[in-house]
Each structure stands twice: as C-alpha cells, then as structure tokens.
PDB file of all heavy atoms in Angstrom:
ATOM      1  N   LYS A   1      21.264  48.485  64.044  1.00  0.00           N
ATOM      2  CA  LYS A   1      22.345  47.887  63.362  1.00  0.00           C
ATOM      3  C   LYS A   1      22.096  47.804  61.861  1.00  0.00           C
ATOM      4  O   LYS A   1      22.993  47.563  61.023  1.00  0.00           O
ATOM      5  CB  LYS A   1      22.685  46.509  63.953  1.00  0.00           C
ATOM      6  CG  LYS A   1      23.164  46.558  65.360  1.00  0.00           C
ATOM      7  CD  LYS A   1      23.410  45.169  65.950  1.00  0.00           C
ATOM      8  CE  LYS A   1      23.805  45.232  67.461  1.00  0.00           C
ATOM      9  NZ  LYS A   1      24.000  43.878  68.056  1.00  0.00           N
ATOM     10  N   ALA A   2      20.816  47.869  61.411  1.00  0.00           N
ATOM     11  CA  ALA A   2      20.498  47.882  60.024  1.00  0.00           C
ATOM     12  C   ALA A   2      21.188  48.970  59.308  1.00  0.00           C
ATOM     13  O   ALA A   2      21.630  48.831  58.130  1.00  0.00           O
ATOM     14  CB  ALA A   2      18.969  48.010  59.829  1.00  0.00           C
ATOM     15  N   LEU A   3      21.447  50.075  59.978  1.00  0.00           N
ATOM     16  CA  LEU A   3      22.147  51.242  59.400  1.00  0.00           C
ATOM     17  C   LEU A   3      23.620  50.981  59.066  1.00  0.00           C
ATOM     18  O   LEU A   3      24.280  51.799  58.440  1.00  0.00           O
ATOM     19  CB  LEU A   3      21.987  52.457  60.300  1.00  0.00           C
ATOM     20  CG  LEU A   3      20.575  52.933  60.514  1.00  0.00           C
ATOM     21  CD1 LEU A   3      20.515  54.035  61.571  1.00  0.00           C
ATOM     22  CD2 LEU A   3      19.961  53.487  59.222  1.00  0.00           C
ATOM     23  N   ASN A   4      24.132  49.858  59.580  1.00  0.00           N
ATOM     24  CA  ASN A   4      25.517  49.446  59.313  1.00  0.00           C
ATOM     25  C   ASN A   4      25.673  48.707  57.975  1.00  0.00           C
ATOM     26  O   ASN A   4      26.841  48.354  57.670  1.00  0.00           O
ATOM     27  CB  ASN A   4      26.058  48.618  60.447  1.00  0.00           C
ATOM     28  CG  ASN A   4      26.144  49.391  61.777  1.00  0.00           C
ATOM     29  OD1 ASN A   4      26.532  50.539  61.724  1.00  0.00           O
ATOM     30  ND2 ASN A   4      25.805  48.727  62.847  1.00  0.00           N
ATOM     31  N   LEU A   5      24.637  48.503  57.274  1.00  0.00           N
ATOM     32  CA  LEU A   5      24.721  47.793  55.970  1.00  0.00           C
ATOM     33  C   LEU A   5      25.844  48.499  55.149  1.00  0.00           C
ATOM     34  O   LEU A   5      25.794  49.752  54.922  1.00  0.00           O
ATOM     35  CB  LEU A   5      23.379  47.819  55.208  1.00  0.00           C
ATOM     36  CG  LEU A   5      23.402  47.182  53.853  1.00  0.00           C
ATOM     37  CD1 LEU A   5      23.601  45.679  53.922  1.00  0.00           C
ATOM     38  CD2 LEU A   5      22.087  47.450  53.132  1.00  0.00           C
ATOM     39  N   GLY A   6      26.736  47.718  54.582  1.00  0.00           N
ATOM     40  CA  GLY A   6      27.806  48.295  53.740  1.00  0.00           C
ATOM     41  C   GLY A   6      28.982  48.816  54.462  1.00  0.00           C
ATOM     42  O   GLY A   6      30.039  49.157  53.897  1.00  0.00           O
ATOM     43  N   HIS A   7      28.852  48.966  55.827  1.00  0.00           N
ATOM     44  CA  HIS A   7      29.875  49.657  56.615  1.00  0.00           C
ATOM     45  C   HIS A   7      31.009  48.790  57.105  1.00  0.00           C
ATOM     46  O   HIS A   7      32.102  49.313  57.376  1.00  0.00           O
ATOM     47  CB  HIS A   7      29.229  50.481  57.662  1.00  0.00           C
ATOM     48  CG  HIS A   7      28.615  51.743  57.259  1.00  0.00           C
ATOM     49  ND1 HIS A   7      27.534  51.728  56.350  1.00  0.00           N
ATOM     50  CD2 HIS A   7      28.875  53.032  57.530  1.00  0.00           C
ATOM     51  CE1 HIS A   7      27.196  53.009  56.181  1.00  0.00           C
ATOM     52  NE2 HIS A   7      27.992  53.809  56.847  1.00  0.00           N
ATOM     53  N   THR A   8      30.753  47.505  57.332  1.00  0.00           N
ATOM     54  CA  THR A   8      31.939  46.656  57.798  1.00  0.00           C
ATOM     55  C   THR A   8      32.934  46.601  56.749  1.00  0.00           C
ATOM     56  O   THR A   8      34.092  46.873  56.967  1.00  0.00           O
ATOM     57  CB  THR A   8      31.371  45.215  58.140  1.00  0.00           C
ATOM     58  OG1 THR A   8      30.386  45.401  59.221  1.00  0.00           O
ATOM     59  CG2 THR A   8      32.457  44.390  58.653  1.00  0.00           C
ATOM     60  N   ALA A   9      32.598  46.199  55.522  1.00  0.00           N
ATOM     61  CA  ALA A   9      33.489  46.206  54.395  1.00  0.00           C
ATOM     62  C   ALA A   9      33.886  47.635  54.036  1.00  0.00           C
ATOM     63  O   ALA A   9      35.038  47.834  53.671  1.00  0.00           O
ATOM     64  CB  ALA A   9      32.872  45.486  53.203  1.00  0.00           C
ATOM     65  N   GLY A  10      32.896  48.582  54.050  1.00  0.00           N
ATOM     66  CA  GLY A  10      33.231  49.969  53.618  1.00  0.00           C
ATOM     67  C   GLY A  10      34.325  50.665  54.464  1.00  0.00           C
ATOM     68  O   GLY A  10      35.185  51.273  53.975  1.00  0.00           O
ATOM     69  N   HIS A  11      34.154  50.486  55.803  1.00  0.00           N
ATOM     70  CA  HIS A  11      35.152  51.053  56.721  1.00  0.00           C
ATOM     71  C   HIS A  11      36.509  50.436  56.494  1.00  0.00           C
ATOM     72  O   HIS A  11      37.544  51.138  56.641  1.00  0.00           O
ATOM     73  CB  HIS A  11      34.663  50.872  58.150  1.00  0.00           C
ATOM     74  CG  HIS A  11      33.710  51.945  58.605  1.00  0.00           C
ATOM     75  ND1 HIS A  11      32.890  51.802  59.691  1.00  0.00           N
ATOM     76  CD2 HIS A  11      33.432  53.201  58.127  1.00  0.00           C
ATOM     77  CE1 HIS A  11      32.108  52.838  59.859  1.00  0.00           C
ATOM     78  NE2 HIS A  11      32.447  53.675  58.920  1.00  0.00           N
ATOM     79  N   ALA A  12      36.550  49.153  56.182  1.00  0.00           N
ATOM     80  CA  ALA A  12      37.833  48.424  55.990  1.00  0.00           C
ATOM     81  C   ALA A  12      38.480  49.036  54.683  1.00  0.00           C
ATOM     82  O   ALA A  12      39.701  49.362  54.758  1.00  0.00           O
ATOM     83  CB  ALA A  12      37.579  46.988  55.826  1.00  0.00           C
ATOM     84  N   LEU A  13      37.739  49.244  53.673  1.00  0.00           N
ATOM     85  CA  LEU A  13      38.229  49.808  52.394  1.00  0.00           C
ATOM     86  C   LEU A  13      38.731  51.267  52.660  1.00  0.00           C
ATOM     87  O   LEU A  13      39.708  51.669  52.160  1.00  0.00           O
ATOM     88  CB  LEU A  13      37.201  49.735  51.307  1.00  0.00           C
ATOM     89  CG  LEU A  13      36.868  48.319  50.763  1.00  0.00           C
ATOM     90  CD1 LEU A  13      35.615  48.399  49.955  1.00  0.00           C
ATOM     91  CD2 LEU A  13      38.006  47.738  50.011  1.00  0.00           C
ATOM     92  N   GLU A  14      37.945  51.948  53.457  1.00  0.00           N
ATOM     93  CA  GLU A  14      38.272  53.352  53.741  1.00  0.00           C
ATOM     94  C   GLU A  14      39.591  53.415  54.583  1.00  0.00           C
ATOM     95  O   GLU A  14      40.416  54.280  54.285  1.00  0.00           O
ATOM     96  CB  GLU A  14      37.133  53.987  54.592  1.00  0.00           C
ATOM     97  CG  GLU A  14      37.219  55.489  54.674  1.00  0.00           C
ATOM     98  CD  GLU A  14      35.920  56.066  55.250  1.00  0.00           C
ATOM     99  OE1 GLU A  14      34.969  55.309  55.679  1.00  0.00           O
ATOM    100  OE2 GLU A  14      35.836  57.325  55.403  1.00  0.00           O
ATOM    101  N   SER A  15      39.737  52.516  55.533  1.00  0.00           N
ATOM    102  CA  SER A  15      40.958  52.490  56.367  1.00  0.00           C
ATOM    103  C   SER A  15      42.160  52.085  55.446  1.00  0.00           C
ATOM    104  O   SER A  15      43.249  52.650  55.667  1.00  0.00           O
ATOM    105  CB  SER A  15      40.772  51.494  57.526  1.00  0.00           C
ATOM    106  OG  SER A  15      39.790  51.904  58.368  1.00  0.00           O
ATOM    107  N   LEU A  16      41.963  51.150  54.595  1.00  0.00           N
ATOM    108  CA  LEU A  16      43.066  50.731  53.652  1.00  0.00           C
ATOM    109  C   LEU A  16      43.465  51.925  52.831  1.00  0.00           C
ATOM    110  O   LEU A  16      44.682  52.149  52.657  1.00  0.00           O
ATOM    111  CB  LEU A  16      42.595  49.549  52.833  1.00  0.00           C
ATOM    112  CG  LEU A  16      43.662  49.109  51.777  1.00  0.00           C
ATOM    113  CD1 LEU A  16      44.885  48.507  52.467  1.00  0.00           C
ATOM    114  CD2 LEU A  16      43.015  48.028  50.795  1.00  0.00           C
ATOM    115  N   ALA A  17      42.481  52.607  52.263  1.00  0.00           N
ATOM    116  CA  ALA A  17      42.828  53.743  51.440  1.00  0.00           C
ATOM    117  C   ALA A  17      43.616  54.816  52.164  1.00  0.00           C
ATOM    118  O   ALA A  17      44.586  55.404  51.674  1.00  0.00           O
ATOM    119  CB  ALA A  17      41.513  54.340  50.911  1.00  0.00           C
ATOM    120  N   LEU A  18      43.237  55.109  53.433  1.00  0.00           N
ATOM    121  CA  LEU A  18      43.982  56.051  54.265  1.00  0.00           C
ATOM    122  C   LEU A  18      45.318  55.584  54.526  1.00  0.00           C
ATOM    123  O   LEU A  18      46.278  56.349  54.468  1.00  0.00           O
ATOM    124  CB  LEU A  18      43.174  56.253  55.524  1.00  0.00           C
ATOM    125  CG  LEU A  18      43.382  57.543  56.350  1.00  0.00           C
ATOM    126  CD1 LEU A  18      43.102  58.757  55.483  1.00  0.00           C
ATOM    127  CD2 LEU A  18      42.558  57.567  57.593  1.00  0.00           C
ATOM    128  N   ALA A  19      45.538  54.302  54.832  1.00  0.00           N
ATOM    129  CA  ALA A  19      46.835  53.778  55.136  1.00  0.00           C
ATOM    130  C   ALA A  19      47.795  53.811  53.957  1.00  0.00           C
ATOM    131  O   ALA A  19      48.994  53.963  54.115  1.00  0.00           O
ATOM    132  CB  ALA A  19      46.703  52.331  55.661  1.00  0.00           C
ATOM    133  N   GLN A  20      47.156  53.736  52.762  1.00  0.00           N
ATOM    134  CA  GLN A  20      47.976  53.721  51.564  1.00  0.00           C
ATOM    135  C   GLN A  20      48.226  55.101  51.032  1.00  0.00           C
ATOM    136  O   GLN A  20      48.844  55.304  50.014  1.00  0.00           O
ATOM    137  CB  GLN A  20      47.262  52.921  50.468  1.00  0.00           C
ATOM    138  CG  GLN A  20      47.242  51.447  50.744  1.00  0.00           C
ATOM    139  CD  GLN A  20      46.511  50.707  49.659  1.00  0.00           C
ATOM    140  OE1 GLN A  20      45.707  51.146  48.913  1.00  0.00           O
ATOM    141  NE2 GLN A  20      46.753  49.375  49.609  1.00  0.00           N
ATOM    142  N   GLY A  21      47.672  56.162  51.717  1.00  0.00           N
ATOM    143  CA  GLY A  21      47.905  57.522  51.265  1.00  0.00           C
ATOM    144  C   GLY A  21      47.040  57.912  50.049  1.00  0.00           C
ATOM    145  O   GLY A  21      47.392  58.829  49.321  1.00  0.00           O
ATOM    146  N   ARG A  22      45.951  57.129  49.799  1.00  0.00           N
ATOM    147  CA  ARG A  22      45.051  57.470  48.775  1.00  0.00           C
ATOM    148  C   ARG A  22      43.624  57.551  49.281  1.00  0.00           C
ATOM    149  O   ARG A  22      42.702  56.833  48.981  1.00  0.00           O
ATOM    150  CB  ARG A  22      45.067  56.461  47.617  1.00  0.00           C
ATOM    151  CG  ARG A  22      44.933  55.022  48.037  1.00  0.00           C
ATOM    152  CD  ARG A  22      44.690  54.052  46.863  1.00  0.00           C
ATOM    153  NE  ARG A  22      44.670  52.678  47.244  1.00  0.00           N
ATOM    154  CZ  ARG A  22      44.049  51.763  46.516  1.00  0.00           C
ATOM    155  NH1 ARG A  22      43.525  52.075  45.312  1.00  0.00           N
ATOM    156  NH2 ARG A  22      44.062  50.424  46.908  1.00  0.00           N
ATOM    157  N   PRO A  23      43.335  58.509  50.280  1.00  0.00           N
ATOM    158  CA  PRO A  23      42.089  58.597  51.015  1.00  0.00           C
ATOM    159  C   PRO A  23      40.910  58.764  50.037  1.00  0.00           C
ATOM    160  O   PRO A  23      41.051  59.412  48.959  1.00  0.00           O
ATOM    161  CB  PRO A  23      42.234  59.751  51.915  1.00  0.00           C
ATOM    162  CG  PRO A  23      43.397  60.559  51.325  1.00  0.00           C
ATOM    163  CD  PRO A  23      44.287  59.594  50.664  1.00  0.00           C
ATOM    164  N   VAL A  24      39.811  58.125  50.393  1.00  0.00           N
ATOM    165  CA  VAL A  24      38.538  58.222  49.615  1.00  0.00           C
ATOM    166  C   VAL A  24      37.487  58.834  50.434  1.00  0.00           C
ATOM    167  O   VAL A  24      37.475  58.770  51.728  1.00  0.00           O
ATOM    168  CB  VAL A  24      38.140  56.888  49.073  1.00  0.00           C
ATOM    169  CG1 VAL A  24      39.185  56.272  48.146  1.00  0.00           C
ATOM    170  CG2 VAL A  24      37.808  55.877  50.233  1.00  0.00           C
ATOM    171  N   LEU A  25      36.486  59.395  49.832  1.00  0.00           N
ATOM    172  CA  LEU A  25      35.332  59.918  50.575  1.00  0.00           C
ATOM    173  C   LEU A  25      34.544  58.819  51.174  1.00  0.00           C
ATOM    174  O   LEU A  25      34.452  57.701  50.574  1.00  0.00           O
ATOM    175  CB  LEU A  25      34.413  60.692  49.588  1.00  0.00           C
ATOM    176  CG  LEU A  25      35.014  62.085  49.067  1.00  0.00           C
ATOM    177  CD1 LEU A  25      34.102  62.627  47.931  1.00  0.00           C
ATOM    178  CD2 LEU A  25      35.207  63.053  50.207  1.00  0.00           C
ATOM    179  N   HIS A  26      33.990  59.033  52.346  1.00  0.00           N
ATOM    180  CA  HIS A  26      33.319  58.009  53.057  1.00  0.00           C
ATOM    181  C   HIS A  26      32.250  57.330  52.252  1.00  0.00           C
ATOM    182  O   HIS A  26      32.096  56.087  52.246  1.00  0.00           O
ATOM    183  CB  HIS A  26      32.699  58.593  54.359  1.00  0.00           C
ATOM    184  CG  HIS A  26      31.831  57.680  55.092  1.00  0.00           C
ATOM    185  ND1 HIS A  26      32.315  56.578  55.822  1.00  0.00           N
ATOM    186  CD2 HIS A  26      30.489  57.601  55.289  1.00  0.00           C
ATOM    187  CE1 HIS A  26      31.365  55.884  56.379  1.00  0.00           C
ATOM    188  NE2 HIS A  26      30.237  56.524  56.096  1.00  0.00           N
ATOM    189  N   GLY A  27      31.445  58.112  51.528  1.00  0.00           N
ATOM    190  CA  GLY A  27      30.333  57.533  50.794  1.00  0.00           C
ATOM    191  C   GLY A  27      30.784  56.617  49.665  1.00  0.00           C
ATOM    192  O   GLY A  27      30.091  55.630  49.323  1.00  0.00           O
ATOM    193  N   TYR A  28      31.922  56.901  49.074  1.00  0.00           N
ATOM    194  CA  TYR A  28      32.486  56.007  48.045  1.00  0.00           C
ATOM    195  C   TYR A  28      32.826  54.699  48.680  1.00  0.00           C
ATOM    196  O   TYR A  28      32.493  53.615  48.132  1.00  0.00           O
ATOM    197  CB  TYR A  28      33.714  56.649  47.416  1.00  0.00           C
ATOM    198  CG  TYR A  28      33.447  57.642  46.314  1.00  0.00           C
ATOM    199  CD1 TYR A  28      32.771  58.828  46.571  1.00  0.00           C
ATOM    200  CD2 TYR A  28      33.798  57.364  45.042  1.00  0.00           C
ATOM    201  CE1 TYR A  28      32.509  59.752  45.564  1.00  0.00           C
ATOM    202  CE2 TYR A  28      33.505  58.290  43.969  1.00  0.00           C
ATOM    203  CZ  TYR A  28      32.863  59.465  44.271  1.00  0.00           C
ATOM    204  OH  TYR A  28      32.642  60.375  43.251  1.00  0.00           O
ATOM    205  N   ALA A  29      33.433  54.673  49.842  1.00  0.00           N
ATOM    206  CA  ALA A  29      33.738  53.459  50.581  1.00  0.00           C
ATOM    207  C   ALA A  29      32.467  52.671  50.877  1.00  0.00           C
ATOM    208  O   ALA A  29      32.368  51.429  50.840  1.00  0.00           O
ATOM    209  CB  ALA A  29      34.546  53.738  51.816  1.00  0.00           C
ATOM    210  N   VAL A  30      31.419  53.417  51.289  1.00  0.00           N
ATOM    211  CA  VAL A  30      30.124  52.765  51.591  1.00  0.00           C
ATOM    212  C   VAL A  30      29.520  52.138  50.374  1.00  0.00           C
ATOM    213  O   VAL A  30      28.993  50.990  50.390  1.00  0.00           O
ATOM    214  CB  VAL A  30      29.145  53.817  52.230  1.00  0.00           C
ATOM    215  CG1 VAL A  30      27.740  53.194  52.315  1.00  0.00           C
ATOM    216  CG2 VAL A  30      29.621  54.189  53.624  1.00  0.00           C
ATOM    217  N   ALA A  31      29.600  52.875  49.247  1.00  0.00           N
ATOM    218  CA  ALA A  31      29.058  52.303  47.970  1.00  0.00           C
ATOM    219  C   ALA A  31      29.766  50.971  47.601  1.00  0.00           C
ATOM    220  O   ALA A  31      29.110  49.986  47.293  1.00  0.00           O
ATOM    221  CB  ALA A  31      29.274  53.356  46.866  1.00  0.00           C
ATOM    222  N   TRP A  32      31.083  50.930  47.739  1.00  0.00           N
ATOM    223  CA  TRP A  32      31.814  49.709  47.459  1.00  0.00           C
ATOM    224  C   TRP A  32      31.530  48.706  48.538  1.00  0.00           C
ATOM    225  O   TRP A  32      31.429  47.491  48.235  1.00  0.00           O
ATOM    226  CB  TRP A  32      33.362  50.002  47.386  1.00  0.00           C
ATOM    227  CG  TRP A  32      33.713  50.948  46.319  1.00  0.00           C
ATOM    228  CD1 TRP A  32      33.165  51.013  45.023  1.00  0.00           C
ATOM    229  CD2 TRP A  32      34.683  52.015  46.323  1.00  0.00           C
ATOM    230  NE1 TRP A  32      33.708  52.026  44.311  1.00  0.00           N
ATOM    231  CE2 TRP A  32      34.648  52.610  45.027  1.00  0.00           C
ATOM    232  CE3 TRP A  32      35.539  52.486  47.275  1.00  0.00           C
ATOM    233  CZ2 TRP A  32      35.506  53.729  44.716  1.00  0.00           C
ATOM    234  CZ3 TRP A  32      36.428  53.589  47.001  1.00  0.00           C
ATOM    235  CH2 TRP A  32      36.360  54.195  45.728  1.00  0.00           C
ATOM    236  N   GLY A  33      31.346  49.116  49.788  1.00  0.00           N
ATOM    237  CA  GLY A  33      30.998  48.200  50.859  1.00  0.00           C
ATOM    238  C   GLY A  33      29.637  47.583  50.629  1.00  0.00           C
ATOM    239  O   GLY A  33      29.391  46.427  50.977  1.00  0.00           O
ATOM    240  N   LEU A  34      28.720  48.313  50.058  1.00  0.00           N
ATOM    241  CA  LEU A  34      27.379  47.773  49.735  1.00  0.00           C
ATOM    242  C   LEU A  34      27.514  46.644  48.660  1.00  0.00           C
ATOM    243  O   LEU A  34      26.809  45.643  48.794  1.00  0.00           O
ATOM    244  CB  LEU A  34      26.448  48.901  49.189  1.00  0.00           C
ATOM    245  CG  LEU A  34      25.920  49.916  50.216  1.00  0.00           C
ATOM    246  CD1 LEU A  34      25.183  51.020  49.510  1.00  0.00           C
ATOM    247  CD2 LEU A  34      24.991  49.252  51.189  1.00  0.00           C
ATOM    248  N   VAL A  35      28.377  46.866  47.696  1.00  0.00           N
ATOM    249  CA  VAL A  35      28.557  45.749  46.748  1.00  0.00           C
ATOM    250  C   VAL A  35      29.061  44.575  47.415  1.00  0.00           C
ATOM    251  O   VAL A  35      28.578  43.416  47.182  1.00  0.00           O
ATOM    252  CB  VAL A  35      29.587  46.262  45.642  1.00  0.00           C
ATOM    253  CG1 VAL A  35      30.032  45.076  44.755  1.00  0.00           C
ATOM    254  CG2 VAL A  35      28.974  47.355  44.785  1.00  0.00           C
ATOM    255  N   CYS A  36      30.070  44.697  48.315  1.00  0.00           N
ATOM    256  CA  CYS A  36      30.585  43.567  49.047  1.00  0.00           C
ATOM    257  C   CYS A  36      29.498  42.837  49.844  1.00  0.00           C
ATOM    258  O   CYS A  36      29.399  41.578  49.754  1.00  0.00           O
ATOM    259  CB  CYS A  36      31.720  44.019  49.968  1.00  0.00           C
ATOM    260  SG  CYS A  36      33.232  44.602  49.172  1.00  0.00           S
ATOM    261  N   GLU A  37      28.785  43.592  50.636  1.00  0.00           N
ATOM    262  CA  GLU A  37      27.886  42.988  51.538  1.00  0.00           C
ATOM    263  C   GLU A  37      26.543  42.471  50.933  1.00  0.00           C
ATOM    264  O   GLU A  37      25.912  41.617  51.447  1.00  0.00           O
ATOM    265  CB  GLU A  37      27.629  43.960  52.705  1.00  0.00           C
ATOM    266  CG  GLU A  37      28.936  44.143  53.546  1.00  0.00           C
ATOM    267  CD  GLU A  37      28.847  45.061  54.688  1.00  0.00           C
ATOM    268  OE1 GLU A  37      27.700  45.261  55.275  1.00  0.00           O
ATOM    269  OE2 GLU A  37      29.900  45.605  55.072  1.00  0.00           O
ATOM    270  N   LEU A  38      26.189  43.058  49.743  1.00  0.00           N
ATOM    271  CA  LEU A  38      25.093  42.529  49.030  1.00  0.00           C
ATOM    272  C   LEU A  38      25.489  41.179  48.417  1.00  0.00           C
ATOM    273  O   LEU A  38      24.640  40.235  48.366  1.00  0.00           O
ATOM    274  CB  LEU A  38      24.554  43.481  47.935  1.00  0.00           C
ATOM    275  CG  LEU A  38      23.816  44.728  48.429  1.00  0.00           C
ATOM    276  CD1 LEU A  38      23.380  45.536  47.252  1.00  0.00           C
ATOM    277  CD2 LEU A  38      22.698  44.416  49.370  1.00  0.00           C
ATOM    278  N   TYR A  39      26.760  41.082  48.006  1.00  0.00           N
ATOM    279  CA  TYR A  39      27.162  39.752  47.562  1.00  0.00           C
ATOM    280  C   TYR A  39      27.221  38.723  48.676  1.00  0.00           C
ATOM    281  O   TYR A  39      26.795  37.565  48.549  1.00  0.00           O
ATOM    282  CB  TYR A  39      28.614  39.832  46.897  1.00  0.00           C
ATOM    283  CG  TYR A  39      29.103  38.488  46.406  1.00  0.00           C
ATOM    284  CD1 TYR A  39      28.570  37.905  45.284  1.00  0.00           C
ATOM    285  CD2 TYR A  39      30.096  37.785  47.138  1.00  0.00           C
ATOM    286  CE1 TYR A  39      28.980  36.676  44.863  1.00  0.00           C
ATOM    287  CE2 TYR A  39      30.480  36.576  46.757  1.00  0.00           C
ATOM    288  CZ  TYR A  39      29.942  35.990  45.594  1.00  0.00           C
ATOM    289  OH  TYR A  39      30.343  34.769  45.195  1.00  0.00           O
ATOM    290  N   LEU A  40      27.673  39.139  49.857  1.00  0.00           N
ATOM    291  CA  LEU A  40      27.687  38.258  51.060  1.00  0.00           C
ATOM    292  C   LEU A  40      26.233  37.916  51.395  1.00  0.00           C
ATOM    293  O   LEU A  40      25.937  36.746  51.788  1.00  0.00           O
ATOM    294  CB  LEU A  40      28.348  38.933  52.183  1.00  0.00           C
ATOM    295  CG  LEU A  40      28.753  38.051  53.394  1.00  0.00           C
ATOM    296  CD1 LEU A  40      29.644  36.901  52.984  1.00  0.00           C
ATOM    297  CD2 LEU A  40      29.349  38.892  54.477  1.00  0.00           C
ATOM    298  N   SER A  41      25.354  38.879  51.207  1.00  0.00           N
ATOM    299  CA  SER A  41      23.880  38.588  51.378  1.00  0.00           C
ATOM    300  C   SER A  41      23.377  37.552  50.471  1.00  0.00           C
ATOM    301  O   SER A  41      22.594  36.647  50.756  1.00  0.00           O
ATOM    302  CB  SER A  41      23.066  39.884  51.255  1.00  0.00           C
ATOM    303  OG  SER A  41      23.405  40.820  52.274  1.00  0.00           O
ATOM    304  N   PHE A  42      23.824  37.649  49.158  1.00  0.00           N
ATOM    305  CA  PHE A  42      23.492  36.620  48.166  1.00  0.00           C
ATOM    306  C   PHE A  42      23.946  35.258  48.578  1.00  0.00           C
ATOM    307  O   PHE A  42      23.249  34.300  48.520  1.00  0.00           O
ATOM    308  CB  PHE A  42      24.067  37.067  46.837  1.00  0.00           C
ATOM    309  CG  PHE A  42      24.107  36.007  45.759  1.00  0.00           C
ATOM    310  CD1 PHE A  42      22.942  35.580  45.157  1.00  0.00           C
ATOM    311  CD2 PHE A  42      25.352  35.434  45.405  1.00  0.00           C
ATOM    312  CE1 PHE A  42      22.980  34.598  44.176  1.00  0.00           C
ATOM    313  CE2 PHE A  42      25.361  34.450  44.412  1.00  0.00           C
ATOM    314  CZ  PHE A  42      24.134  34.058  43.806  1.00  0.00           C
TER     315      PHE A  42
END
C-alpha cells in the first residue's frame, strides 16, 4: 500500500479532469496528488 502514496488524491484529480473533458496524464495527477498527501502527512 506504500505504492499508493499520492494516488488517492491523484486518482480523484484525474477522474475530475476526465469528467470535465480536460484529461491529464496519469503522472501529472500523481504529482499533484503527492503535493496533497504530503500536506496531509504534514
């Protein structure tokens, strides 16, 4: 489950982007997800 770091928030952002018709590359969503979850870690 350590490999899921950044992915709970990242997948949500990725799904939102897809729903809005502005799809993003998976790794971009993961990068933004890392920011979210490192803040939650803080």
